[in-house]
Amino acid sequence: MRVLVAGATGVIGQPLIRQLRDAGHEVLGTTRSPERAGKIEAAGAIPVIVDALQIEALHRAVAEAQPEVVINQLTALPDRLDYRRPDETFGPTNELRAKAGPALAGAAAESGARRLISQSVCFYYAPDGSALHTEEDPLIDPGPGSPAFQRALALTTLERATLETPGLDGVVLRYGLFYGPGTHYGKGGRYWRDVTKRRFPIVGEGTGVFSYVHIDDAASATVAALDRGAGIYNVCDDDPTPMSEWLPAYAEAVGAKPPRRVPVWLASLVAGKEVAAQAVTLRGASNEKAKRELGWQPRYPSWREGFQEALG
C-alpha cells in the first residue's frame, strides 16, 4: 500500500521506512529540510519537503501524495531535555502535536486515506496506584498552572484528532522510552554521555518503573498497525523495571562505572521536580493489548538483552 510517514527523519523514521519497504509498501516521507531529503531517499522512500506547521502547504502535500495510510511521527525534541525550561524544551513538539496533528488528520481524511497512525507515549499516565498501566487508564492532568500542562494538552489533542476525525480509522501508539541507535540512550546520545561521566544518578530509592522499547520494535509495531487494530496501544517491552535496576545495567552495557545515588531533594534542585518525581513514582505500562490485537511480538522482549546487544 501507499504510506506517507510524516516526520520521516526522526529517530524512528529510518527503521520504520526500511521495514515498510521490506514489507513491500510504497513509502513517502516528509521533512521540512531539503538538506535531509537524501536521508529519506537513502532509506528507500520518496521525500516530500513540507513544513507541517504550514497548514495549507501540509494539505497540498498530503493531497498530492494520495496515501492510503498516514503515519504521524512528528516531533522536535532537542538533544538535551531540560525540564526546568519546559517551553524551550518541549514547546516545538507540543506545537506539532496540538497544531500539526489535527491538521494532518484532516488532510489525511480529505485525501482519501483510510487510516491514520499517530505517535504518543506510554509514560504519561496519571499516577493512580496501578502497578502497570493499561490503555484504559487516564493520562496525567497536571492543571493549567503546571509546567507539564501544555505537554498533556498537546498529547490529548493529538490523540483525539487521530481517533475522532470522521472518515479515518485511527490508531494511537503509545511508545515506551526509545533506545537503540540515534536515541538519547544510543552511543553518543545524551544519556549515554551522562552515564559514562557518572552524571546520571539513581534518585532516592529509584522506585520509578520505566517501560522501554527498541526503535526497531517500535517500528515493527507501527508496520503491524497498518491493517490491524483500532484505538490505543501501549508499545513497549515485556519488562517494566525500576530505575534502581535498569540504570546500573545500562551503565554496565555502555562500559561505565556504576551510577551514583542522590536524594530526591537534590535531584529536584538540579534537574527539576518532574524528573525527580519520575525517578521514584513513575509506573510502567502493559503491552498485552498490542501483542494480542496487532499480532506484534518485540524482538527484544526485555531491555536486558536489548541494552547488551544494541549498546554493548
C-alpha atoms as a PDB file:
ATOM      1  CA  MET A   1       0.000   0.000   0.000  1.00  0.00           C
ATOM      2  CA  ARG A   2       0.987   3.653  -0.326  1.00  0.00           C
ATOM      3  CA  VAL A   3       2.149   5.062   3.029  1.00  0.00           C
ATOM      4  CA  LEU A   4       3.069   8.616   3.994  1.00  0.00           C
ATOM      5  CA  VAL A   5       5.358   8.978   7.026  1.00  0.00           C
ATOM      6  CA  ALA A   6       5.193  12.493   8.490  1.00  0.00           C
ATOM      7  CA  GLY A   7       8.417  13.209  10.336  1.00  0.00           C
ATOM      8  CA  ALA A   8      10.444  10.648   8.425  1.00  0.00           C
ATOM      9  CA  THR A   9      13.883  11.861   9.538  1.00  0.00           C
ATOM     10  CA  GLY A  10      13.213  11.428  13.260  1.00  0.00           C
ATOM     11  CA  VAL A  11      14.749   8.691  15.365  1.00  0.00           C
ATOM     12  CA  ILE A  12      12.078   6.129  14.431  1.00  0.00           C
ATOM     13  CA  GLY A  13      11.721   7.327  10.833  1.00  0.00           C
ATOM     14  CA  GLN A  14      14.665   5.473   9.342  1.00  0.00           C
ATOM     15  CA  PRO A  15      13.943   1.985  10.755  1.00  0.00           C
ATOM     16  CA  LEU A  16      10.252   2.496  10.012  1.00  0.00           C
ATOM     17  CA  ILE A  17      10.863   3.329   6.357  1.00  0.00           C
ATOM     18  CA  ARG A  18      13.166   0.331   5.974  1.00  0.00           C
ATOM     19  CA  GLN A  19      10.636  -2.048   7.498  1.00  0.00           C
ATOM     20  CA  LEU A  20       7.800  -0.637   5.400  1.00  0.00           C
ATOM     21  CA  ARG A  21       9.871  -1.063   2.256  1.00  0.00           C
ATOM     22  CA  ASP A  22      10.869  -4.611   3.273  1.00  0.00           C
ATOM     23  CA  ALA A  23       7.160  -5.399   3.643  1.00  0.00           C
ATOM     24  CA  GLY A  24       6.570  -4.272   0.058  1.00  0.00           C
ATOM     25  CA  HIS A  25       4.914  -0.909   0.668  1.00  0.00           C
ATOM     26  CA  GLU A  26       5.430   2.270  -1.341  1.00  0.00           C
ATOM     27  CA  VAL A  27       6.675   4.909   1.100  1.00  0.00           C
ATOM     28  CA  LEU A  28       6.792   8.685   1.058  1.00  0.00           C
ATOM     29  CA  GLY A  29       8.382  10.613   3.913  1.00  0.00           C
ATOM     30  CA  THR A  30       8.135  14.252   4.901  1.00  0.00           C
ATOM     31  CA  THR A  31      10.848  16.579   6.099  1.00  0.00           C
ATOM     32  CA  ARG A  32      10.880  20.352   6.348  1.00  0.00           C
ATOM     33  CA  SER A  33      14.573  20.457   5.422  1.00  0.00           C
ATOM     34  CA  PRO A  34      15.691  19.947   1.805  1.00  0.00           C
ATOM     35  CA  GLU A  35      19.128  19.033   3.182  1.00  0.00           C
ATOM     36  CA  ARG A  36      17.627  15.968   4.888  1.00  0.00           C
ATOM     37  CA  ALA A  37      15.765  14.674   1.860  1.00  0.00           C
ATOM     38  CA  GLY A  38      18.745  12.481   0.990  1.00  0.00           C
ATOM     39  CA  LYS A  39      18.334  10.646   4.276  1.00  0.00           C
ATOM     40  CA  ILE A  40      14.811   9.675   3.275  1.00  0.00           C
ATOM     41  CA  GLU A  41      15.917   8.598  -0.196  1.00  0.00           C
ATOM     42  CA  ALA A  42      18.747   6.522   1.281  1.00  0.00           C
ATOM     43  CA  ALA A  43      16.219   4.629   3.389  1.00  0.00           C
ATOM     44  CA  GLY A  44      14.189   3.840   0.253  1.00  0.00           C
ATOM     45  CA  ALA A  45      11.366   6.389   0.385  1.00  0.00           C
ATOM     46  CA  ILE A  46      10.262   9.346  -1.729  1.00  0.00           C
ATOM     47  CA  PRO A  47      10.985  12.648   0.066  1.00  0.00           C
ATOM     48  CA  VAL A  48       8.233  15.246   0.472  1.00  0.00           C
ATOM     49  CA  ILE A  49       9.500  18.673   1.519  1.00  0.00           C
ATOM     50  CA  VAL A  50       6.927  20.438   3.704  1.00  0.00           C
ATOM     51  CA  ASP A  51       6.760  22.328   6.985  1.00  0.00           C
ATOM     52  CA  ALA A  52       3.983  20.582   8.889  1.00  0.00           C
ATOM     53  CA  LEU A  53       3.106  23.802  10.686  1.00  0.00           C
ATOM     54  CA  GLN A  54       2.282  25.492   7.366  1.00  0.00           C
ATOM     55  CA  ILE A  55      -1.244  24.121   7.239  1.00  0.00           C
ATOM     56  CA  GLU A  56      -2.138  24.939   3.623  1.00  0.00           C
ATOM     57  CA  ALA A  57       1.159  23.516   2.397  1.00  0.00           C
ATOM     58  CA  LEU A  58       0.607  20.399   4.504  1.00  0.00           C
ATOM     59  CA  HIS A  59      -2.840  19.848   2.984  1.00  0.00           C
ATOM     60  CA  ARG A  60      -1.403  20.232  -0.521  1.00  0.00           C
ATOM     61  CA  ALA A  61       1.433  17.810   0.201  1.00  0.00           C
ATOM     62  CA  VAL A  62      -0.898  15.126   1.538  1.00  0.00           C
ATOM     63  CA  ALA A  63      -3.340  15.607  -1.335  1.00  0.00           C
ATOM     64  CA  GLU A  64      -0.530  15.191  -3.856  1.00  0.00           C
ATOM     65  CA  ALA A  65       0.861  12.140  -2.052  1.00  0.00           C
ATOM     66  CA  GLN A  66      -2.525  10.326  -2.151  1.00  0.00           C
ATOM     67  CA  PRO A  67      -1.630   7.914   0.654  1.00  0.00           C
ATOM     68  CA  GLU A  68      -3.745   5.013   1.815  1.00  0.00           C
ATOM     69  CA  VAL A  69      -2.221   5.266   5.301  1.00  0.00           C
ATOM     70  CA  VAL A  70      -0.649   8.258   7.047  1.00  0.00           C
ATOM     71  CA  ILE A  71       1.784   7.758   9.948  1.00  0.00           C
ATOM     72  CA  ASN A  72       2.398  10.757  12.208  1.00  0.00           C
ATOM     73  CA  GLN A  73       5.884  10.657  13.752  1.00  0.00           C
ATOM     74  CA  LEU A  74       6.277  14.441  14.078  1.00  0.00           C
ATOM     75  CA  THR A  75       8.450  15.590  16.990  1.00  0.00           C
ATOM     76  CA  ALA A  76      11.100  18.264  17.529  1.00  0.00           C
ATOM     77  CA  LEU A  77      12.877  17.415  20.760  1.00  0.00           C
ATOM     78  CA  PRO A  78      16.329  18.875  21.455  1.00  0.00           C
ATOM     79  CA  ASP A  79      19.418  16.820  22.212  1.00  0.00           C
ATOM     80  CA  ARG A  80      19.209  17.684  25.919  1.00  0.00           C
ATOM     81  CA  LEU A  81      15.870  17.663  27.709  1.00  0.00           C
ATOM     82  CA  ASP A  82      15.768  20.426  30.319  1.00  0.00           C
ATOM     83  CA  TYR A  83      12.597  20.044  32.373  1.00  0.00           C
ATOM     84  CA  ARG A  84      13.340  23.332  34.110  1.00  0.00           C
ATOM     85  CA  ARG A  85      12.793  25.103  30.767  1.00  0.00           C
ATOM     86  CA  PRO A  86       9.640  23.362  29.504  1.00  0.00           C
ATOM     87  CA  ASP A  87       8.695  25.909  26.837  1.00  0.00           C
ATOM     88  CA  GLU A  88      12.132  25.823  25.250  1.00  0.00           C
ATOM     89  CA  THR A  89      12.495  22.050  25.551  1.00  0.00           C
ATOM     90  CA  PHE A  90       9.014  20.793  24.713  1.00  0.00           C
ATOM     91  CA  GLY A  91       7.347  23.791  23.037  1.00  0.00           C
ATOM     92  CA  PRO A  92       8.162  22.834  19.413  1.00  0.00           C
ATOM     93  CA  THR A  93       6.908  19.270  19.881  1.00  0.00           C
ATOM     94  CA  ASN A  94       3.804  20.490  21.704  1.00  0.00           C
ATOM     95  CA  GLU A  95       3.032  22.721  18.722  1.00  0.00           C
ATOM     96  CA  LEU A  96       3.496  19.869  16.267  1.00  0.00           C
ATOM     97  CA  ARG A  97       1.157  17.663  18.281  1.00  0.00           C
ATOM     98  CA  ALA A  98      -1.515  20.268  19.012  1.00  0.00           C
ATOM     99  CA  LYS A  99      -1.486  22.144  15.689  1.00  0.00           C
ATOM    100  CA  ALA A 100       0.012  19.914  13.009  1.00  0.00           C
ATOM    101  CA  GLY A 101      -1.559  16.748  14.454  1.00  0.00           C
ATOM    102  CA  PRO A 102      -5.196  17.751  13.861  1.00  0.00           C
ATOM    103  CA  ALA A 103      -4.262  19.396  10.550  1.00  0.00           C
ATOM    104  CA  LEU A 104      -2.601  16.191   9.349  1.00  0.00           C
ATOM    105  CA  ALA A 105      -5.655  14.181  10.398  1.00  0.00           C
ATOM    106  CA  GLY A 106      -7.916  16.483   8.415  1.00  0.00           C
ATOM    107  CA  ALA A 107      -5.614  16.398   5.399  1.00  0.00           C
ATOM    108  CA  ALA A 108      -5.454  12.601   5.525  1.00  0.00           C
ATOM    109  CA  ALA A 109      -9.244  12.311   5.568  1.00  0.00           C
ATOM    110  CA  GLU A 110      -9.654  14.827   2.735  1.00  0.00           C
ATOM    111  CA  SER A 111      -7.096  12.999   0.600  1.00  0.00           C
ATOM    112  CA  GLY A 112      -8.980   9.717   0.894  1.00  0.00           C
ATOM    113  CA  ALA A 113      -6.589   7.939   3.258  1.00  0.00           C
ATOM    114  CA  ARG A 114      -8.310   5.201   5.199  1.00  0.00           C
ATOM    115  CA  ARG A 115      -6.077   5.070   8.278  1.00  0.00           C
ATOM    116  CA  LEU A 116      -4.028   7.394  10.491  1.00  0.00           C
ATOM    117  CA  ILE A 117      -1.436   6.095  12.958  1.00  0.00           C
ATOM    118  CA  SER A 118      -0.026   8.596  15.471  1.00  0.00           C
ATOM    119  CA  GLN A 119       2.871   8.547  17.887  1.00  0.00           C
ATOM    120  CA  SER A 120       2.127   9.072  21.571  1.00  0.00           C
ATOM    121  CA  VAL A 121       3.837   7.895  24.791  1.00  0.00           C
ATOM    122  CA  CYS A 122       3.055   5.312  27.481  1.00  0.00           C
ATOM    123  CA  PHE A 123       4.884   7.122  30.296  1.00  0.00           C
ATOM    124  CA  TYR A 124       2.361   9.916  30.766  1.00  0.00           C
ATOM    125  CA  TYR A 125      -0.389   8.119  32.641  1.00  0.00           C
ATOM    126  CA  ALA A 126      -1.936   9.663  35.747  1.00  0.00           C
ATOM    127  CA  PRO A 127      -0.440   8.182  38.937  1.00  0.00           C
ATOM    128  CA  ASP A 128      -3.338   6.175  40.349  1.00  0.00           C
ATOM    129  CA  GLY A 129      -1.595   3.393  42.231  1.00  0.00           C
ATOM    130  CA  SER A 130      -1.641   0.945  39.309  1.00  0.00           C
ATOM    131  CA  ALA A 131       1.229  -1.499  39.158  1.00  0.00           C
ATOM    132  CA  LEU A 132       1.099  -1.392  35.348  1.00  0.00           C
ATOM    133  CA  HIS A 133      -0.950   0.988  33.245  1.00  0.00           C
ATOM    134  CA  THR A 134      -3.296  -0.217  30.528  1.00  0.00           C
ATOM    135  CA  GLU A 135      -4.715   1.825  27.682  1.00  0.00           C
ATOM    136  CA  GLU A 136      -7.933   2.438  29.627  1.00  0.00           C
ATOM    137  CA  ASP A 137      -6.112   4.427  32.325  1.00  0.00           C
ATOM    138  CA  PRO A 138      -6.307   8.236  32.079  1.00  0.00           C
ATOM    139  CA  LEU A 139      -3.377  10.381  31.078  1.00  0.00           C
ATOM    140  CA  ILE A 140      -1.954  12.815  33.586  1.00  0.00           C
ATOM    141  CA  ASP A 141      -3.891  16.053  34.102  1.00  0.00           C
ATOM    142  CA  PRO A 142      -1.400  18.432  35.734  1.00  0.00           C
ATOM    143  CA  GLY A 143      -3.671  21.507  35.649  1.00  0.00           C
ATOM    144  CA  PRO A 144      -3.108  24.881  33.933  1.00  0.00           C
ATOM    145  CA  GLY A 145      -0.547  26.070  36.488  1.00  0.00           C
ATOM    146  CA  SER A 146       1.817  23.142  35.955  1.00  0.00           C
ATOM    147  CA  PRO A 147       4.850  23.264  33.634  1.00  0.00           C
ATOM    148  CA  ALA A 148       3.623  19.941  32.208  1.00  0.00           C
ATOM    149  CA  PHE A 149       0.168  21.283  31.297  1.00  0.00           C
ATOM    150  CA  GLN A 150       0.988  22.119  27.670  1.00  0.00           C
ATOM    151  CA  ARG A 151       2.526  18.675  27.092  1.00  0.00           C
ATOM    152  CA  ALA A 152      -0.550  16.939  28.463  1.00  0.00           C
ATOM    153  CA  LEU A 153      -2.881  19.164  26.432  1.00  0.00           C
ATOM    154  CA  ALA A 154      -0.893  18.579  23.229  1.00  0.00           C
ATOM    155  CA  LEU A 155      -0.927  14.789  23.670  1.00  0.00           C
ATOM    156  CA  THR A 156      -4.660  14.775  24.366  1.00  0.00           C
ATOM    157  CA  THR A 157      -5.349  16.979  21.332  1.00  0.00           C
ATOM    158  CA  LEU A 158      -3.263  14.744  19.071  1.00  0.00           C
ATOM    159  CA  GLU A 159      -4.864  11.535  20.289  1.00  0.00           C
ATOM    160  CA  ARG A 160      -8.405  12.868  19.948  1.00  0.00           C
ATOM    161  CA  ALA A 161      -7.756  14.127  16.426  1.00  0.00           C
ATOM    162  CA  THR A 162      -6.366  10.716  15.474  1.00  0.00           C
ATOM    163  CA  LEU A 163      -9.269   8.761  16.899  1.00  0.00           C
ATOM    164  CA  GLU A 164     -12.184  11.106  16.205  1.00  0.00           C
ATOM    165  CA  THR A 165     -11.608  12.545  12.707  1.00  0.00           C
ATOM    166  CA  PRO A 166     -14.510  11.381  10.505  1.00  0.00           C
ATOM    167  CA  GLY A 167     -13.555   9.087   7.664  1.00  0.00           C
ATOM    168  CA  LEU A 168     -10.394   7.722   9.283  1.00  0.00           C
ATOM    169  CA  ASP A 169      -9.585   4.537  11.155  1.00  0.00           C
ATOM    170  CA  GLY A 170      -7.399   5.997  13.896  1.00  0.00           C
ATOM    171  CA  VAL A 171      -4.675   4.187  15.803  1.00  0.00           C
ATOM    172  CA  VAL A 172      -2.625   5.743  18.615  1.00  0.00           C
ATOM    173  CA  LEU A 173       0.634   4.022  19.504  1.00  0.00           C
ATOM    174  CA  ARG A 174       1.849   4.980  22.957  1.00  0.00           C
ATOM    175  CA  TYR A 175       5.521   4.107  22.687  1.00  0.00           C
ATOM    176  CA  GLY A 176       7.786   3.396  25.621  1.00  0.00           C
ATOM    177  CA  LEU A 177      11.115   5.143  26.053  1.00  0.00           C
ATOM    178  CA  PHE A 178      13.143   4.648  22.872  1.00  0.00           C
ATOM    179  CA  TYR A 179      16.587   3.114  22.949  1.00  0.00           C
ATOM    180  CA  GLY A 180      18.889   1.994  20.171  1.00  0.00           C
ATOM    181  CA  PRO A 181      20.938   3.831  17.509  1.00  0.00           C
ATOM    182  CA  GLY A 182      20.240   7.544  17.252  1.00  0.00           C
ATOM    183  CA  THR A 183      18.304   7.776  20.535  1.00  0.00           C
ATOM    184  CA  HIS A 184      19.277   9.532  23.764  1.00  0.00           C
ATOM    185  CA  TYR A 185      20.335   6.085  25.020  1.00  0.00           C
ATOM    186  CA  GLY A 186      22.341   5.209  21.893  1.00  0.00           C
ATOM    187  CA  LYS A 187      26.094   5.634  21.605  1.00  0.00           C
ATOM    188  CA  GLY A 188      26.939   9.324  21.859  1.00  0.00           C
ATOM    189  CA  GLY A 189      23.396  10.247  22.943  1.00  0.00           C
ATOM    190  CA  ARG A 190      22.569  12.465  25.873  1.00  0.00           C
ATOM    191  CA  TYR A 191      22.019   9.683  28.433  1.00  0.00           C
ATOM    192  CA  TRP A 192      24.965   7.684  27.108  1.00  0.00           C
ATOM    193  CA  ARG A 193      27.209  10.708  27.701  1.00  0.00           C
ATOM    194  CA  ASP A 194      25.782  11.419  31.140  1.00  0.00           C
ATOM    195  CA  VAL A 195      26.060   7.820  32.320  1.00  0.00           C
ATOM    196  CA  THR A 196      29.612   7.379  31.050  1.00  0.00           C
ATOM    197  CA  LYS A 197      30.576  10.531  33.000  1.00  0.00           C
ATOM    198  CA  ARG A 198      28.571   9.402  36.067  1.00  0.00           C
ATOM    199  CA  ARG A 199      26.238  12.395  35.773  1.00  0.00           C
ATOM    200  CA  PHE A 200      23.075  10.267  35.729  1.00  0.00           C
ATOM    201  CA  PRO A 201      22.405   9.087  39.300  1.00  0.00           C
ATOM    202  CA  ILE A 202      19.791   6.871  40.878  1.00  0.00           C
ATOM    203  CA  VAL A 203      17.358   9.214  42.617  1.00  0.00           C
ATOM    204  CA  GLY A 204      16.202   8.264  46.093  1.00  0.00           C
ATOM    205  CA  GLU A 205      15.375   4.558  46.179  1.00  0.00           C
ATOM    206  CA  GLY A 206      14.988   4.510  42.391  1.00  0.00           C
ATOM    207  CA  THR A 207      11.484   3.046  42.646  1.00  0.00           C
ATOM    208  CA  GLY A 208      10.130   4.671  39.480  1.00  0.00           C
ATOM    209  CA  VAL A 209       9.236   1.968  36.930  1.00  0.00           C
ATOM    210  CA  PHE A 210      10.244   2.610  33.300  1.00  0.00           C
ATOM    211  CA  SER A 211       8.932   0.936  30.142  1.00  0.00           C
ATOM    212  CA  TYR A 212      11.365   0.746  27.229  1.00  0.00           C
ATOM    213  CA  VAL A 213      11.149  -0.208  23.566  1.00  0.00           C
ATOM    214  CA  HIS A 214      13.918  -0.606  20.990  1.00  0.00           C
ATOM    215  CA  ILE A 215      13.298   1.630  17.981  1.00  0.00           C
ATOM    216  CA  ASP A 216      13.249  -1.424  15.687  1.00  0.00           C
ATOM    217  CA  ASP A 217      10.453  -2.910  17.805  1.00  0.00           C
ATOM    218  CA  ALA A 218       8.573   0.394  17.808  1.00  0.00           C
ATOM    219  CA  ALA A 219       8.833   0.388  14.012  1.00  0.00           C
ATOM    220  CA  SER A 220       7.620  -3.206  13.697  1.00  0.00           C
ATOM    221  CA  ALA A 221       4.568  -2.440  15.852  1.00  0.00           C
ATOM    222  CA  THR A 222       3.812   0.501  13.576  1.00  0.00           C
ATOM    223  CA  VAL A 223       4.006  -1.708  10.495  1.00  0.00           C
ATOM    224  CA  ALA A 224       1.703  -4.218  12.209  1.00  0.00           C
ATOM    225  CA  ALA A 225      -0.836  -1.428  12.799  1.00  0.00           C
ATOM    226  CA  LEU A 226      -1.162  -0.668   9.067  1.00  0.00           C
ATOM    227  CA  ASP A 227      -4.032  -3.097   8.707  1.00  0.00           C
ATOM    228  CA  ARG A 228      -4.767  -4.355  12.210  1.00  0.00           C
ATOM    229  CA  GLY A 229      -6.206  -2.947  15.370  1.00  0.00           C
ATOM    230  CA  ALA A 230      -8.147   0.184  16.290  1.00  0.00           C
ATOM    231  CA  GLY A 231      -7.822   2.629  19.140  1.00  0.00           C
ATOM    232  CA  ILE A 232      -4.922   2.985  21.558  1.00  0.00           C
ATOM    233  CA  TYR A 233      -1.987   0.636  22.176  1.00  0.00           C
ATOM    234  CA  ASN A 234       0.953   0.665  24.560  1.00  0.00           C
ATOM    235  CA  VAL A 235       4.046  -0.273  22.564  1.00  0.00           C
ATOM    236  CA  CYS A 236       6.790  -1.260  24.987  1.00  0.00           C
ATOM    237  CA  ASP A 237       8.701  -4.356  26.010  1.00  0.00           C
ATOM    238  CA  ASP A 238       7.564  -7.065  28.442  1.00  0.00           C
ATOM    239  CA  ASP A 239       9.791  -5.945  31.300  1.00  0.00           C
ATOM    240  CA  PRO A 240       8.904  -2.645  33.050  1.00  0.00           C
ATOM    241  CA  THR A 241      11.658  -2.138  35.617  1.00  0.00           C
ATOM    242  CA  PRO A 242      12.560   0.284  38.424  1.00  0.00           C
ATOM    243  CA  MET A 243      15.381   2.769  37.944  1.00  0.00           C
ATOM    244  CA  SER A 244      17.400   1.109  40.698  1.00  0.00           C
ATOM    245  CA  GLU A 245      17.674  -1.958  38.457  1.00  0.00           C
ATOM    246  CA  TRP A 246      17.835  -0.722  34.868  1.00  0.00           C
ATOM    247  CA  LEU A 247      20.253   2.177  35.373  1.00  0.00           C
ATOM    248  CA  PRO A 248      23.144   0.060  36.762  1.00  0.00           C
ATOM    249  CA  ALA A 249      22.542  -2.447  33.944  1.00  0.00           C
ATOM    250  CA  TYR A 250      22.620   0.339  31.361  1.00  0.00           C
ATOM    251  CA  ALA A 251      25.889   1.640  32.846  1.00  0.00           C
ATOM    252  CA  GLU A 252      27.382  -1.827  32.571  1.00  0.00           C
ATOM    253  CA  ALA A 253      26.177  -2.192  28.967  1.00  0.00           C
ATOM    254  CA  VAL A 254      27.946   1.034  27.919  1.00  0.00           C
ATOM    255  CA  GLY A 255      31.104   0.213  29.879  1.00  0.00           C
ATOM    256  CA  ALA A 256      30.601   2.865  32.558  1.00  0.00           C
ATOM    257  CA  LYS A 257      31.118   2.777  36.314  1.00  0.00           C
ATOM    258  CA  PRO A 258      28.040   2.166  38.493  1.00  0.00           C
ATOM    259  CA  PRO A 259      25.795   5.212  38.893  1.00  0.00           C
ATOM    260  CA  ARG A 260      25.908   7.348  41.993  1.00  0.00           C
ATOM    261  CA  ARG A 261      22.899   7.883  44.268  1.00  0.00           C
ATOM    262  CA  VAL A 262      21.395  11.255  45.205  1.00  0.00           C
ATOM    263  CA  PRO A 263      18.457  12.222  47.435  1.00  0.00           C
ATOM    264  CA  VAL A 264      15.188  13.331  45.885  1.00  0.00           C
ATOM    265  CA  TRP A 265      15.559  16.901  47.143  1.00  0.00           C
ATOM    266  CA  LEU A 266      18.915  17.293  45.386  1.00  0.00           C
ATOM    267  CA  ALA A 267      17.605  15.853  42.108  1.00  0.00           C
ATOM    268  CA  SER A 268      14.668  18.260  42.301  1.00  0.00           C
ATOM    269  CA  LEU A 269      17.045  21.174  42.746  1.00  0.00           C
ATOM    270  CA  VAL A 270      19.425  20.189  39.944  1.00  0.00           C
ATOM    271  CA  ALA A 271      17.184  18.514  37.342  1.00  0.00           C
ATOM    272  CA  GLY A 272      13.711  19.724  38.274  1.00  0.00           C
ATOM    273  CA  LYS A 273      10.828  18.391  40.347  1.00  0.00           C
ATOM    274  CA  GLU A 274       9.308  16.436  37.447  1.00  0.00           C
ATOM    275  CA  VAL A 275      12.483  14.451  36.799  1.00  0.00           C
ATOM    276  CA  ALA A 276      12.881  13.675  40.489  1.00  0.00           C
ATOM    277  CA  ALA A 277       9.254  12.595  40.782  1.00  0.00           C
ATOM    278  CA  GLN A 278       9.502  10.275  37.778  1.00  0.00           C
ATOM    279  CA  ALA A 279      12.529   8.573  39.305  1.00  0.00           C
ATOM    280  CA  VAL A 280      10.530   7.459  42.321  1.00  0.00           C
ATOM    281  CA  THR A 281       6.834   7.427  41.305  1.00  0.00           C
ATOM    282  CA  LEU A 282       6.617   6.526  37.578  1.00  0.00           C
ATOM    283  CA  ARG A 283       4.804   3.290  36.779  1.00  0.00           C
ATOM    284  CA  GLY A 284       5.237   1.064  33.762  1.00  0.00           C
ATOM    285  CA  ALA A 285       2.819   0.068  31.011  1.00  0.00           C
ATOM    286  CA  SER A 286       1.353  -3.225  29.838  1.00  0.00           C
ATOM    287  CA  ASN A 287       1.817  -4.247  26.188  1.00  0.00           C
ATOM    288  CA  GLU A 288      -0.644  -7.148  26.286  1.00  0.00           C
ATOM    289  CA  LYS A 289      -3.267  -5.421  24.124  1.00  0.00           C
ATOM    290  CA  ALA A 290      -0.741  -4.611  21.366  1.00  0.00           C
ATOM    291  CA  LYS A 291       0.541  -8.167  21.301  1.00  0.00           C
ATOM    292  CA  ARG A 292      -2.966  -9.598  21.260  1.00  0.00           C
ATOM    293  CA  GLU A 293      -4.671  -7.296  18.744  1.00  0.00           C
ATOM    294  CA  LEU A 294      -1.775  -6.289  16.487  1.00  0.00           C
ATOM    295  CA  GLY A 295      -0.134  -9.709  16.452  1.00  0.00           C
ATOM    296  CA  TRP A 296       3.076  -7.960  17.498  1.00  0.00           C
ATOM    297  CA  GLN A 297       5.995  -9.502  19.348  1.00  0.00           C
ATOM    298  CA  PRO A 298       9.050  -7.375  20.216  1.00  0.00           C
ATOM    299  CA  ARG A 299      12.387  -8.687  19.027  1.00  0.00           C
ATOM    300  CA  TYR A 300      13.728  -7.555  22.399  1.00  0.00           C
ATOM    301  CA  PRO A 301      11.163  -8.731  24.992  1.00  0.00           C
ATOM    302  CA  SER A 302      13.305  -7.105  27.663  1.00  0.00           C
ATOM    303  CA  TRP A 303      15.657  -4.153  27.756  1.00  0.00           C
ATOM    304  CA  ARG A 304      18.095  -6.552  29.474  1.00  0.00           C
ATOM    305  CA  GLU A 305      19.117  -8.281  26.263  1.00  0.00           C
ATOM    306  CA  GLY A 306      18.339  -5.164  24.251  1.00  0.00           C
ATOM    307  CA  PHE A 307      20.829  -2.998  26.147  1.00  0.00           C
ATOM    308  CA  GLN A 308      23.543  -5.609  25.871  1.00  0.00           C
ATOM    309  CA  GLU A 309      23.063  -6.261  22.153  1.00  0.00           C
ATOM    310  CA  ALA A 310      22.222  -2.759  20.977  1.00  0.00           C
ATOM    311  CA  LEU A 311      24.527  -0.761  23.253  1.00  0.00           C
ATOM    312  CA  GLY A 312      27.282  -3.035  24.479  1.00  0.00           C
END
